[in-house]
């Protein structure tokens, strides 16, 4: 038997939320509904700058951020980089998503 050296997945703090960041209202609504069905509380933001403001003001409320890479005001990669550079947000779980397809 091989012992696993990876740590178990972190559990969200009681009542911790997931911040959904997506420029498309339909995507935000569908994601929030899916999370709700799984018992996860969420809040949504349409823009990266708004998401950063929310996280900086209320970082202790959030367990994770689910972010579209193509946002109306900034690229998701830029926002994720700013999250990682902020000592209050660096431990936040971040998942990058994209509904865009690359054409080869």
Protein backbone atom coordinates (compact mmCIF):
# COMPACT_ATOMS: atom_id res chain seq x y z
CA UNK A 1 0.00 0.00 0.00
CA UNK A 2 1.32 3.44 -0.93
CA UNK A 3 0.83 6.19 1.62
CA UNK A 4 -0.46 9.48 0.32
CA UNK A 5 1.60 12.54 1.14
CA UNK A 6 -1.03 14.97 -0.09
CA UNK A 7 -3.11 16.71 2.49
CA UNK A 8 -6.86 16.14 2.61
CA UNK A 9 -9.06 18.71 0.90
CA UNK A 10 -9.73 21.74 3.07
CA UNK A 11 -13.23 22.08 4.42
CA UNK A 12 -14.90 25.46 4.27
CA UNK A 13 -15.48 27.29 7.54
CA UNK A 14 -19.04 27.22 8.75
CA UNK A 15 -21.11 29.61 6.62
CA UNK A 16 -18.14 30.40 4.36
CA UNK A 17 -19.09 31.53 0.88
CA UNK A 18 -17.83 31.08 -2.63
CA UNK A 19 -17.45 34.24 -4.71
CA UNK A 20 -18.55 33.72 -8.32
CA UNK A 21 -16.93 36.17 -10.74
CA UNK A 22 -18.27 36.17 -14.28
CA UNK A 23 -19.22 38.90 -16.75
CA UNK A 24 -22.25 36.94 -17.97
CA UNK A 25 -25.37 37.17 -15.78
CA UNK A 26 -26.63 33.78 -16.96
CA UNK A 27 -23.35 32.07 -16.01
CA UNK A 28 -23.44 33.67 -12.56
CA UNK A 29 -27.04 32.56 -12.02
CA UNK A 30 -26.48 28.98 -13.18
CA UNK A 31 -23.32 28.61 -11.09
CA UNK A 32 -25.04 30.04 -8.01
CA UNK A 33 -27.95 27.63 -8.50
CA UNK A 34 -25.62 24.63 -8.83
CA UNK A 35 -23.69 25.63 -5.71
CA UNK A 36 -26.95 26.17 -3.83
CA UNK A 37 -28.11 22.65 -4.71
CA UNK A 38 -24.86 21.40 -3.15
CA UNK A 39 -25.52 23.42 0.01
CA UNK A 40 -22.89 26.05 -0.75
CA UNK A 41 -23.64 29.72 -0.12
CA UNK A 42 -22.38 32.04 -2.85
CA UNK A 43 -22.18 35.67 -3.81
CA UNK A 44 -21.65 36.95 -7.34
CA UNK A 45 -19.71 39.72 -9.00
CA UNK A 46 -19.73 40.79 -12.66
CA UNK A 47 -16.25 42.34 -12.76
CA UNK A 48 -12.76 41.70 -11.48
CA UNK A 49 -12.34 45.08 -9.80
CA UNK A 50 -15.62 44.61 -7.93
CA UNK A 51 -14.57 41.10 -6.90
CA UNK A 52 -11.25 42.37 -5.51
CA UNK A 53 -13.05 45.07 -3.53
CA UNK A 54 -15.46 42.51 -2.07
CA UNK A 55 -12.64 40.13 -1.15
CA UNK A 56 -10.46 42.84 0.39
CA UNK A 57 -13.33 44.19 2.51
CA UNK A 58 -14.76 40.84 3.61
CA UNK A 59 -12.05 38.23 2.97
CA UNK A 60 -12.91 36.23 6.09
CA UNK A 61 -16.39 35.46 4.70
CA UNK A 62 -15.09 33.56 1.67
CA UNK A 63 -13.67 30.09 1.29
CA UNK A 64 -13.08 30.18 -2.45
CA UNK A 65 -13.43 32.21 -5.62
CA UNK A 66 -14.71 30.79 -8.90
CA UNK A 67 -13.53 33.15 -11.63
CA UNK A 68 -14.06 33.37 -15.39
CA UNK A 69 -10.80 34.17 -17.13
CA UNK A 70 -12.40 36.63 -19.58
CA UNK A 71 -13.89 39.51 -17.60
CA UNK A 72 -15.20 42.84 -18.88
CA UNK A 73 -12.73 45.03 -16.98
CA UNK A 74 -9.62 42.88 -16.42
CA UNK A 75 -8.38 39.44 -17.33
CA UNK A 76 -9.02 36.79 -14.70
CA UNK A 77 -5.31 35.95 -14.62
CA UNK A 78 -4.56 39.52 -13.47
CA UNK A 79 -7.15 39.30 -10.70
CA UNK A 80 -5.87 35.90 -9.56
CA UNK A 81 -2.33 37.30 -9.47
CA UNK A 82 -3.50 40.20 -7.28
CA UNK A 83 -5.28 37.73 -4.98
CA UNK A 84 -2.07 35.70 -4.61
CA UNK A 85 -0.04 38.86 -3.88
CA UNK A 86 -2.38 39.99 -1.09
CA UNK A 87 -1.42 38.39 2.23
CA UNK A 88 -5.05 38.39 3.41
CA UNK A 89 -6.24 36.58 0.28
CA UNK A 90 -3.31 34.30 -0.55
CA UNK A 91 -4.83 31.25 1.19
CA UNK A 92 -8.16 31.64 -0.62
CA UNK A 93 -8.94 28.71 -2.92
CA UNK A 94 -9.23 29.91 -6.52
CA UNK A 95 -10.69 28.11 -9.52
CA UNK A 96 -10.31 29.66 -12.97
CA UNK A 97 -12.97 28.87 -15.55
CA UNK A 98 -13.65 29.78 -19.16
CA UNK A 99 -16.60 29.28 -21.45
CA UNK A 100 -14.53 30.39 -24.45
CA UNK A 101 -13.19 27.84 -26.88
CA UNK A 102 -9.84 28.18 -28.57
CA UNK A 103 -9.95 27.67 -32.33
CA UNK A 104 -7.04 25.72 -33.72
